[in-house]
N, C-alpha and C. Protein backbone atom coordinates (compact mmCIF):
# COMPACT_ATOMS: atom_id res chain seq x y z
N MET A 1 24.30 -59.10 32.17
CA MET A 1 23.75 -59.53 30.91
C MET A 1 22.74 -60.62 31.13
N SER A 2 21.79 -60.67 30.28
CA SER A 2 20.77 -61.72 30.41
C SER A 2 21.13 -62.90 29.53
N SER A 3 20.78 -64.01 30.01
CA SER A 3 21.08 -65.22 29.25
C SER A 3 19.97 -65.50 28.27
N PRO A 4 20.25 -66.23 27.21
CA PRO A 4 19.22 -66.52 26.23
C PRO A 4 18.13 -67.40 26.81
N ARG A 5 18.46 -68.20 27.76
CA ARG A 5 17.46 -69.09 28.36
C ARG A 5 16.43 -68.29 29.14
N ARG A 6 16.87 -67.24 29.81
CA ARG A 6 15.96 -66.42 30.60
C ARG A 6 14.97 -65.68 29.71
N SER A 7 15.43 -65.18 28.58
CA SER A 7 14.53 -64.47 27.68
C SER A 7 13.48 -65.41 27.11
N GLN A 8 13.83 -66.66 26.91
CA GLN A 8 12.85 -67.63 26.40
C GLN A 8 11.78 -67.91 27.44
N THR A 9 12.13 -67.97 28.71
CA THR A 9 11.14 -68.21 29.75
C THR A 9 10.20 -67.02 29.87
N GLN A 10 10.74 -65.83 29.69
CA GLN A 10 9.86 -64.66 29.73
C GLN A 10 8.88 -64.70 28.57
N LYS A 11 9.33 -65.15 27.43
CA LYS A 11 8.44 -65.24 26.28
C LYS A 11 7.36 -66.27 26.55
N MET A 12 7.73 -67.33 27.19
CA MET A 12 6.75 -68.38 27.48
C MET A 12 5.73 -67.87 28.47
N ARG A 13 6.15 -67.12 29.46
CA ARG A 13 5.22 -66.58 30.43
C ARG A 13 4.23 -65.63 29.77
N LEU A 14 4.74 -64.80 28.87
CA LEU A 14 3.85 -63.88 28.17
C LEU A 14 2.83 -64.64 27.34
N SER A 15 3.28 -65.66 26.71
CA SER A 15 2.35 -66.40 25.88
C SER A 15 1.32 -67.14 26.73
N LEU A 16 1.66 -67.52 27.97
CA LEU A 16 0.71 -68.18 28.83
C LEU A 16 -0.34 -67.21 29.35
N THR A 17 0.08 -65.98 29.66
CA THR A 17 -0.87 -65.02 30.23
C THR A 17 -1.78 -64.41 29.19
N THR A 18 -1.31 -64.24 27.98
CA THR A 18 -2.16 -63.68 26.93
C THR A 18 -2.77 -64.81 26.14
N ARG A 19 -4.04 -64.83 26.12
CA ARG A 19 -4.74 -65.87 25.39
C ARG A 19 -5.44 -65.25 24.21
N LYS A 20 -5.46 -65.96 23.17
CA LYS A 20 -6.11 -65.46 21.97
C LYS A 20 -7.57 -65.84 22.03
N VAL A 21 -8.39 -64.79 22.07
CA VAL A 21 -9.83 -64.99 22.12
C VAL A 21 -10.41 -64.27 20.91
N PRO A 22 -11.32 -64.88 20.18
CA PRO A 22 -11.90 -64.19 19.04
C PRO A 22 -12.71 -62.98 19.50
N LEU A 23 -12.57 -61.90 18.73
CA LEU A 23 -13.29 -60.67 19.05
C LEU A 23 -14.76 -60.83 18.72
N GLU A 24 -15.57 -60.31 19.59
CA GLU A 24 -17.00 -60.38 19.36
C GLU A 24 -17.50 -59.00 18.96
N VAL A 25 -18.10 -58.90 17.80
CA VAL A 25 -18.69 -57.66 17.33
C VAL A 25 -20.19 -57.82 17.46
N PRO A 26 -20.81 -56.97 18.25
CA PRO A 26 -22.26 -57.12 18.41
C PRO A 26 -22.97 -56.75 17.12
N THR A 27 -23.96 -57.46 16.80
CA THR A 27 -24.74 -57.19 15.60
C THR A 27 -25.70 -56.05 15.89
N PRO A 28 -25.86 -55.16 14.93
CA PRO A 28 -26.79 -54.05 15.17
C PRO A 28 -28.23 -54.54 15.14
N THR A 29 -29.00 -53.97 16.00
CA THR A 29 -30.42 -54.31 16.04
C THR A 29 -31.22 -53.02 15.90
N GLU A 30 -32.45 -53.18 15.54
CA GLU A 30 -33.30 -52.00 15.35
C GLU A 30 -33.63 -51.33 16.67
N LYS A 31 -33.46 -52.03 17.74
CA LYS A 31 -33.74 -51.45 19.06
C LYS A 31 -32.73 -50.34 19.40
N ASP A 32 -31.50 -50.46 18.88
CA ASP A 32 -30.45 -49.49 19.21
C ASP A 32 -30.49 -48.22 18.35
N TRP A 33 -31.28 -48.18 17.31
CA TRP A 33 -31.28 -47.03 16.39
C TRP A 33 -31.67 -45.70 17.05
N PRO A 34 -32.70 -45.64 17.84
CA PRO A 34 -33.05 -44.33 18.43
C PRO A 34 -31.94 -43.76 19.33
N THR A 35 -31.22 -44.62 20.03
CA THR A 35 -30.15 -44.11 20.89
C THR A 35 -28.95 -43.65 20.06
N ASP A 36 -28.69 -44.34 18.94
CA ASP A 36 -27.58 -43.93 18.08
C ASP A 36 -27.84 -42.56 17.46
N GLU A 37 -29.06 -42.30 17.03
CA GLU A 37 -29.37 -41.01 16.43
C GLU A 37 -29.23 -39.88 17.43
N GLY A 38 -29.57 -40.14 18.66
CA GLY A 38 -29.43 -39.11 19.70
C GLY A 38 -27.99 -38.74 19.95
N ASP A 39 -27.08 -39.68 19.75
CA ASP A 39 -25.66 -39.40 19.96
C ASP A 39 -25.06 -38.54 18.85
N TYR A 40 -25.61 -38.64 17.64
CA TYR A 40 -25.00 -37.97 16.49
C TYR A 40 -25.76 -36.73 16.03
N VAL A 41 -26.67 -36.23 16.77
CA VAL A 41 -27.41 -35.03 16.39
C VAL A 41 -26.53 -33.81 16.68
N PHE A 42 -26.46 -32.90 15.72
CA PHE A 42 -25.69 -31.67 15.91
C PHE A 42 -26.52 -30.71 16.75
N MET A 43 -25.94 -30.28 17.81
CA MET A 43 -26.65 -29.39 18.71
C MET A 43 -26.18 -27.96 18.46
N ASP A 44 -27.11 -27.02 18.46
CA ASP A 44 -26.79 -25.61 18.31
C ASP A 44 -26.42 -25.06 19.68
N LEU A 45 -25.23 -24.50 19.80
CA LEU A 45 -24.76 -24.01 21.09
C LEU A 45 -25.53 -22.78 21.55
N ASP A 46 -26.05 -22.00 20.61
CA ASP A 46 -26.76 -20.78 20.96
C ASP A 46 -28.24 -21.01 21.20
N GLN A 47 -28.68 -22.24 21.18
CA GLN A 47 -30.10 -22.51 21.30
C GLN A 47 -30.63 -22.09 22.67
N GLY A 48 -29.83 -22.22 23.70
CA GLY A 48 -30.27 -21.82 25.03
C GLY A 48 -30.41 -20.32 25.14
N LEU A 49 -29.60 -19.57 24.39
CA LEU A 49 -29.66 -18.11 24.45
C LEU A 49 -30.74 -17.53 23.55
N ASP A 50 -31.00 -18.17 22.44
CA ASP A 50 -31.96 -17.65 21.47
C ASP A 50 -33.32 -18.29 21.68
N SER A 51 -34.33 -17.50 21.45
CA SER A 51 -35.68 -18.04 21.54
C SER A 51 -36.28 -18.27 20.16
N LEU A 52 -35.50 -17.98 19.10
CA LEU A 52 -36.00 -18.13 17.74
C LEU A 52 -35.82 -19.57 17.27
N PRO A 53 -36.68 -20.04 16.36
CA PRO A 53 -36.45 -21.37 15.77
C PRO A 53 -35.20 -21.34 14.88
N GLN A 54 -34.73 -22.52 14.51
CA GLN A 54 -33.44 -22.66 13.84
C GLN A 54 -33.29 -21.82 12.57
N PRO A 55 -34.17 -21.83 11.59
CA PRO A 55 -33.88 -21.03 10.39
C PRO A 55 -33.74 -19.54 10.68
N TYR A 56 -34.52 -19.04 11.64
CA TYR A 56 -34.45 -17.62 11.97
C TYR A 56 -33.19 -17.29 12.76
N ARG A 57 -32.69 -18.23 13.54
CA ARG A 57 -31.42 -18.01 14.24
C ARG A 57 -30.28 -17.87 13.24
N MET A 58 -30.31 -18.70 12.19
CA MET A 58 -29.27 -18.63 11.16
C MET A 58 -29.33 -17.28 10.44
N ILE A 59 -30.52 -16.83 10.11
CA ILE A 59 -30.68 -15.52 9.46
C ILE A 59 -30.19 -14.42 10.39
N ASN A 60 -30.52 -14.54 11.67
CA ASN A 60 -30.08 -13.55 12.65
C ASN A 60 -28.56 -13.51 12.74
N LYS A 61 -27.91 -14.67 12.73
CA LYS A 61 -26.44 -14.72 12.76
C LYS A 61 -25.85 -14.07 11.52
N LEU A 62 -26.42 -14.33 10.34
CA LEU A 62 -25.91 -13.74 9.11
C LEU A 62 -26.06 -12.22 9.11
N VAL A 63 -27.21 -11.74 9.59
CA VAL A 63 -27.43 -10.29 9.65
C VAL A 63 -26.43 -9.65 10.63
N ASN A 64 -26.23 -10.29 11.78
CA ASN A 64 -25.25 -9.76 12.74
C ASN A 64 -23.84 -9.76 12.16
N LEU A 65 -23.48 -10.81 11.42
CA LEU A 65 -22.18 -10.87 10.78
C LEU A 65 -22.03 -9.75 9.75
N LEU A 66 -23.09 -9.51 8.98
CA LEU A 66 -23.07 -8.44 7.99
C LEU A 66 -22.87 -7.07 8.65
N PHE A 67 -23.59 -6.83 9.74
CA PHE A 67 -23.43 -5.56 10.45
C PHE A 67 -22.03 -5.42 11.05
N ASP A 68 -21.49 -6.50 11.60
CA ASP A 68 -20.15 -6.44 12.18
C ASP A 68 -19.09 -6.12 11.13
N ARG A 69 -19.17 -6.78 9.99
CA ARG A 69 -18.19 -6.53 8.93
C ARG A 69 -18.32 -5.11 8.38
N SER A 70 -19.55 -4.66 8.19
CA SER A 70 -19.73 -3.29 7.67
C SER A 70 -19.23 -2.26 8.68
N TRP A 71 -19.42 -2.52 9.97
CA TRP A 71 -18.93 -1.60 10.99
C TRP A 71 -17.40 -1.56 10.99
N GLU A 72 -16.74 -2.71 10.78
CA GLU A 72 -15.29 -2.74 10.69
C GLU A 72 -14.80 -1.93 9.49
N ILE A 73 -15.49 -2.04 8.36
CA ILE A 73 -15.11 -1.26 7.17
C ILE A 73 -15.27 0.23 7.43
N ILE A 74 -16.36 0.61 8.11
CA ILE A 74 -16.59 2.02 8.43
C ILE A 74 -15.48 2.54 9.34
N GLU A 75 -15.08 1.74 10.33
CA GLU A 75 -14.01 2.17 11.24
C GLU A 75 -12.68 2.32 10.50
N GLU A 76 -12.38 1.40 9.56
CA GLU A 76 -11.15 1.51 8.78
C GLU A 76 -11.15 2.78 7.93
N ARG A 77 -12.29 3.07 7.31
CA ARG A 77 -12.37 4.29 6.48
C ARG A 77 -12.21 5.54 7.33
N ASN A 78 -12.82 5.55 8.52
CA ASN A 78 -12.66 6.71 9.40
C ASN A 78 -11.21 6.88 9.83
N ALA A 79 -10.53 5.77 10.11
CA ALA A 79 -9.12 5.85 10.50
C ALA A 79 -8.28 6.40 9.35
N LEU A 80 -8.55 5.96 8.12
CA LEU A 80 -7.82 6.49 6.96
C LEU A 80 -8.10 7.97 6.76
N ARG A 81 -9.35 8.37 6.92
CA ARG A 81 -9.73 9.77 6.76
C ARG A 81 -9.03 10.64 7.80
N GLU A 82 -8.97 10.16 9.05
CA GLU A 82 -8.29 10.92 10.10
C GLU A 82 -6.79 11.01 9.83
N ALA A 83 -6.20 9.93 9.32
CA ALA A 83 -4.77 9.94 9.01
C ALA A 83 -4.47 10.93 7.89
N GLU A 84 -5.34 10.99 6.89
CA GLU A 84 -5.13 11.94 5.79
C GLU A 84 -5.32 13.37 6.25
N SER A 85 -6.30 13.61 7.13
CA SER A 85 -6.55 14.98 7.57
C SER A 85 -5.48 15.47 8.54
N SER A 86 -4.80 14.54 9.23
CA SER A 86 -3.77 14.96 10.17
C SER A 86 -2.46 15.33 9.47
N GLN A 87 -2.31 14.94 8.21
CA GLN A 87 -1.10 15.31 7.47
C GLN A 87 -1.13 16.80 7.15
N ILE A 88 0.05 17.39 7.12
CA ILE A 88 0.15 18.81 6.81
C ILE A 88 -0.02 19.00 5.30
N GLN A 89 -1.00 19.79 4.94
CA GLN A 89 -1.27 20.05 3.54
C GLN A 89 -0.36 21.19 3.06
N PRO A 90 0.34 21.00 1.95
CA PRO A 90 1.20 22.07 1.45
C PRO A 90 0.37 23.23 0.91
N THR A 91 0.93 24.42 1.01
CA THR A 91 0.26 25.61 0.49
C THR A 91 0.36 25.61 -1.03
N VAL A 92 -0.77 25.78 -1.67
CA VAL A 92 -0.82 25.79 -3.13
C VAL A 92 -1.13 27.22 -3.58
N TYR A 93 -0.25 27.74 -4.39
CA TYR A 93 -0.44 29.08 -4.92
C TYR A 93 -0.96 28.98 -6.34
N PRO A 94 -2.10 29.58 -6.63
CA PRO A 94 -2.62 29.51 -8.00
C PRO A 94 -1.78 30.38 -8.92
N PRO A 95 -1.73 30.06 -10.19
CA PRO A 95 -0.94 30.87 -11.12
C PRO A 95 -1.57 32.25 -11.32
N VAL A 96 -0.70 33.25 -11.38
CA VAL A 96 -1.17 34.63 -11.58
C VAL A 96 -1.48 34.86 -13.05
N GLY A 97 -0.64 34.34 -13.89
CA GLY A 97 -0.82 34.52 -15.32
C GLY A 97 -0.11 33.41 -16.06
N GLU A 98 -0.34 33.36 -17.35
CA GLU A 98 0.26 32.32 -18.17
C GLU A 98 1.36 32.94 -19.02
N ILE A 99 2.50 32.29 -19.05
CA ILE A 99 3.61 32.75 -19.87
C ILE A 99 3.58 31.97 -21.18
N GLN A 100 3.52 32.70 -22.28
CA GLN A 100 3.54 32.07 -23.61
C GLN A 100 4.99 31.96 -24.07
N LEU A 101 5.45 30.74 -24.24
CA LEU A 101 6.82 30.53 -24.71
C LEU A 101 6.83 30.39 -26.22
N ASN A 102 7.86 30.97 -26.86
CA ASN A 102 7.97 30.89 -28.32
C ASN A 102 8.39 29.50 -28.77
N LYS A 103 9.29 28.90 -28.02
CA LYS A 103 9.84 27.60 -28.40
C LYS A 103 9.77 26.67 -27.20
N ARG A 104 10.06 25.43 -27.46
CA ARG A 104 10.07 24.44 -26.39
C ARG A 104 11.32 24.67 -25.53
N PRO A 105 11.14 24.83 -24.19
CA PRO A 105 12.30 25.12 -23.35
C PRO A 105 13.13 23.86 -23.06
N ASN A 106 14.43 24.05 -22.99
CA ASN A 106 15.35 22.97 -22.61
C ASN A 106 15.64 23.01 -21.12
N CYS A 107 15.69 24.23 -20.54
CA CYS A 107 16.03 24.37 -19.13
C CYS A 107 15.46 25.67 -18.59
N MET A 108 15.34 25.74 -17.25
CA MET A 108 14.81 26.93 -16.59
C MET A 108 15.59 27.18 -15.31
N ALA A 109 15.63 28.45 -14.91
CA ALA A 109 16.23 28.85 -13.63
C ALA A 109 15.46 30.05 -13.11
N VAL A 110 15.37 30.17 -11.78
CA VAL A 110 14.65 31.28 -11.15
C VAL A 110 15.61 31.98 -10.20
N SER A 111 15.60 33.31 -10.25
CA SER A 111 16.38 34.11 -9.33
C SER A 111 15.65 35.43 -9.12
N GLN A 112 15.48 35.82 -7.88
CA GLN A 112 14.73 37.01 -7.48
C GLN A 112 13.35 37.00 -8.12
N ASP A 113 13.10 37.96 -8.98
CA ASP A 113 11.79 38.10 -9.60
C ASP A 113 11.79 37.68 -11.06
N PHE A 114 12.76 36.92 -11.48
CA PHE A 114 12.90 36.62 -12.90
C PHE A 114 12.96 35.12 -13.15
N LEU A 115 12.48 34.75 -14.33
CA LEU A 115 12.54 33.37 -14.80
C LEU A 115 13.40 33.36 -16.05
N PHE A 116 14.42 32.53 -16.05
CA PHE A 116 15.33 32.41 -17.18
C PHE A 116 15.02 31.08 -17.88
N VAL A 117 14.72 31.15 -19.17
CA VAL A 117 14.34 29.97 -19.94
C VAL A 117 15.31 29.82 -21.09
N GLY A 118 15.97 28.66 -21.15
CA GLY A 118 16.90 28.37 -22.24
C GLY A 118 16.26 27.42 -23.22
N GLY A 119 16.42 27.70 -24.49
CA GLY A 119 15.83 26.86 -25.52
C GLY A 119 16.76 26.76 -26.72
N ALA A 120 16.17 26.37 -27.83
CA ALA A 120 16.94 26.26 -29.07
C ALA A 120 17.28 27.66 -29.57
N LYS A 121 18.53 27.87 -29.89
CA LYS A 121 19.04 29.11 -30.48
C LYS A 121 18.93 30.32 -29.57
N GLY A 122 18.96 30.15 -28.24
CA GLY A 122 18.98 31.32 -27.37
C GLY A 122 18.29 31.10 -26.04
N PHE A 123 18.05 32.22 -25.33
CA PHE A 123 17.33 32.15 -24.07
C PHE A 123 16.50 33.40 -23.89
N SER A 124 15.53 33.34 -22.94
CA SER A 124 14.62 34.45 -22.68
C SER A 124 14.57 34.71 -21.18
N ILE A 125 14.21 35.96 -20.83
CA ILE A 125 14.05 36.34 -19.43
C ILE A 125 12.63 36.86 -19.26
N TYR A 126 11.91 36.34 -18.25
CA TYR A 126 10.53 36.72 -17.98
C TYR A 126 10.42 37.28 -16.57
N ASN A 127 9.51 38.25 -16.40
CA ASN A 127 9.19 38.78 -15.08
C ASN A 127 8.17 37.83 -14.45
N LEU A 128 8.42 37.41 -13.20
CA LEU A 128 7.52 36.46 -12.55
C LEU A 128 6.19 37.08 -12.13
N TYR A 129 6.17 38.38 -11.85
CA TYR A 129 4.96 38.99 -11.32
C TYR A 129 3.92 39.31 -12.39
N ASN A 130 4.36 39.79 -13.54
CA ASN A 130 3.38 40.13 -14.58
C ASN A 130 3.45 39.19 -15.77
N ALA A 131 4.32 38.18 -15.74
CA ALA A 131 4.44 37.14 -16.77
C ALA A 131 4.78 37.72 -18.14
N LYS A 132 5.50 38.83 -18.18
CA LYS A 132 5.89 39.43 -19.46
C LYS A 132 7.34 39.10 -19.76
N ARG A 133 7.62 38.96 -21.06
CA ARG A 133 8.99 38.70 -21.48
C ARG A 133 9.76 40.02 -21.47
N ILE A 134 10.89 40.02 -20.79
CA ILE A 134 11.71 41.22 -20.66
C ILE A 134 12.78 41.26 -21.74
N TYR A 135 13.40 40.12 -21.99
CA TYR A 135 14.56 40.11 -22.88
C TYR A 135 14.62 38.78 -23.62
N VAL A 136 15.01 38.85 -24.90
CA VAL A 136 15.23 37.64 -25.70
C VAL A 136 16.60 37.78 -26.34
N TRP A 137 17.38 36.71 -26.25
CA TRP A 137 18.68 36.73 -26.89
C TRP A 137 18.76 35.53 -27.82
N ASP A 138 18.74 35.81 -29.13
CA ASP A 138 18.78 34.76 -30.15
C ASP A 138 20.12 34.73 -30.88
N LYS A 139 21.12 35.44 -30.40
CA LYS A 139 22.40 35.53 -31.08
C LYS A 139 23.30 34.32 -30.85
N LEU A 140 22.92 33.43 -29.95
CA LEU A 140 23.80 32.32 -29.59
C LEU A 140 23.96 31.33 -30.73
N LYS A 141 22.93 31.05 -31.47
CA LYS A 141 22.94 30.08 -32.57
C LYS A 141 23.27 28.66 -32.09
N VAL A 142 23.14 28.41 -30.79
CA VAL A 142 23.34 27.07 -30.23
C VAL A 142 22.19 26.81 -29.24
N ASP A 143 22.00 25.53 -28.93
CA ASP A 143 20.95 25.17 -27.97
C ASP A 143 21.49 25.30 -26.55
N VAL A 144 20.77 26.01 -25.72
CA VAL A 144 21.14 26.14 -24.31
C VAL A 144 20.63 24.90 -23.58
N THR A 145 21.54 24.17 -22.93
CA THR A 145 21.15 22.93 -22.25
C THR A 145 21.06 23.09 -20.74
N SER A 146 21.68 24.14 -20.19
CA SER A 146 21.65 24.33 -18.74
C SER A 146 21.80 25.81 -18.42
N ILE A 147 21.04 26.27 -17.42
CA ILE A 147 21.12 27.66 -16.96
C ILE A 147 21.30 27.64 -15.44
N CYS A 148 22.20 28.49 -14.97
CA CYS A 148 22.37 28.70 -13.53
C CYS A 148 22.32 30.20 -13.30
N ALA A 149 21.44 30.65 -12.41
CA ALA A 149 21.30 32.07 -12.12
C ALA A 149 21.57 32.29 -10.64
N THR A 150 22.45 33.27 -10.34
CA THR A 150 22.84 33.55 -8.95
C THR A 150 22.65 35.03 -8.67
N ASP A 151 22.04 35.33 -7.53
CA ASP A 151 21.81 36.71 -7.12
C ASP A 151 23.07 37.24 -6.45
N LEU A 152 23.60 38.34 -6.97
CA LEU A 152 24.80 38.96 -6.42
C LEU A 152 24.49 40.27 -5.72
N GLY A 153 23.28 40.50 -5.33
CA GLY A 153 22.88 41.74 -4.68
C GLY A 153 22.21 42.65 -5.68
N SER A 154 23.00 43.52 -6.33
CA SER A 154 22.42 44.44 -7.30
C SER A 154 22.37 43.84 -8.70
N GLU A 155 23.07 42.73 -8.92
CA GLU A 155 23.09 42.09 -10.24
C GLU A 155 22.76 40.61 -10.10
N ILE A 156 22.43 40.01 -11.21
CA ILE A 156 22.21 38.56 -11.28
C ILE A 156 23.19 38.02 -12.30
N LEU A 157 23.97 37.03 -11.90
CA LEU A 157 24.93 36.41 -12.80
C LEU A 157 24.28 35.18 -13.41
N ILE A 158 24.27 35.13 -14.74
CA ILE A 158 23.66 34.02 -15.47
C ILE A 158 24.77 33.23 -16.14
N ALA A 159 24.80 31.92 -15.91
CA ALA A 159 25.77 31.05 -16.57
C ALA A 159 25.00 30.10 -17.47
N LEU A 160 25.29 30.17 -18.77
CA LEU A 160 24.62 29.33 -19.76
C LEU A 160 25.59 28.28 -20.26
N VAL A 161 25.12 27.05 -20.40
CA VAL A 161 25.93 25.97 -20.96
C VAL A 161 25.23 25.52 -22.23
N ASP A 162 25.98 25.49 -23.34
CA ASP A 162 25.37 25.06 -24.61
C ASP A 162 25.60 23.57 -24.82
N GLU A 163 25.18 23.08 -25.99
CA GLU A 163 25.25 21.64 -26.26
C GLU A 163 26.67 21.12 -26.38
N MET A 164 27.63 22.01 -26.63
CA MET A 164 29.03 21.60 -26.75
C MET A 164 29.76 21.71 -25.42
N GLY A 165 29.09 22.19 -24.37
CA GLY A 165 29.71 22.31 -23.05
C GLY A 165 30.40 23.63 -22.82
N ILE A 166 30.20 24.59 -23.69
CA ILE A 166 30.83 25.91 -23.55
C ILE A 166 29.97 26.75 -22.61
N VAL A 167 30.62 27.41 -21.65
CA VAL A 167 29.91 28.20 -20.65
C VAL A 167 30.00 29.67 -21.03
N LEU A 168 28.87 30.37 -20.96
CA LEU A 168 28.81 31.80 -21.25
C LEU A 168 28.28 32.49 -20.00
N HIS A 169 29.03 33.48 -19.48
CA HIS A 169 28.63 34.22 -18.29
C HIS A 169 28.06 35.57 -18.72
N LEU A 170 26.87 35.89 -18.21
CA LEU A 170 26.24 37.16 -18.54
C LEU A 170 25.74 37.82 -17.26
N PRO A 171 26.11 39.07 -17.02
CA PRO A 171 25.51 39.79 -15.89
C PRO A 171 24.17 40.38 -16.34
N PHE A 172 23.19 40.40 -15.42
CA PHE A 172 21.87 40.95 -15.74
C PHE A 172 21.53 42.00 -14.69
N LEU A 173 20.97 43.10 -15.12
CA LEU A 173 20.57 44.27 -14.34
C LEU A 173 21.72 45.12 -14.04
């Protein structure tokens, strides 16, 4: 451990070695102005490479920047176009004919070559190839809310569900 007396002697030594001297700030003179301006001039780093004067170098930089950005945009668009063209396009079949429905349909089902449409107060069966209505059944007197059609080989089984949840099974063909 250090004694308090020893720390005081160290303080005294420090105070003896460090002397307080007033700081001298040199006064500015007009002779120093040209050298000060030379120190604070902004230098163009590209001046050694370019032979154009300053305003034209700036215009040249802006034009180069414009070309670089536009080239980046062109490359991005080409990449997007290539990505879209590399995707597999689904086959689109145009409609052969238009089917005119009598009422607004609630549900539809497809099986083999037939389209089953359920609506208010009954359902209809349409041929898919010539778009003609084959059969209309309006005897239900209820709204058909769901149709399920299943191919059984020589027959098609149609299951109709009405608004009350009652299921009606009908064989077709």
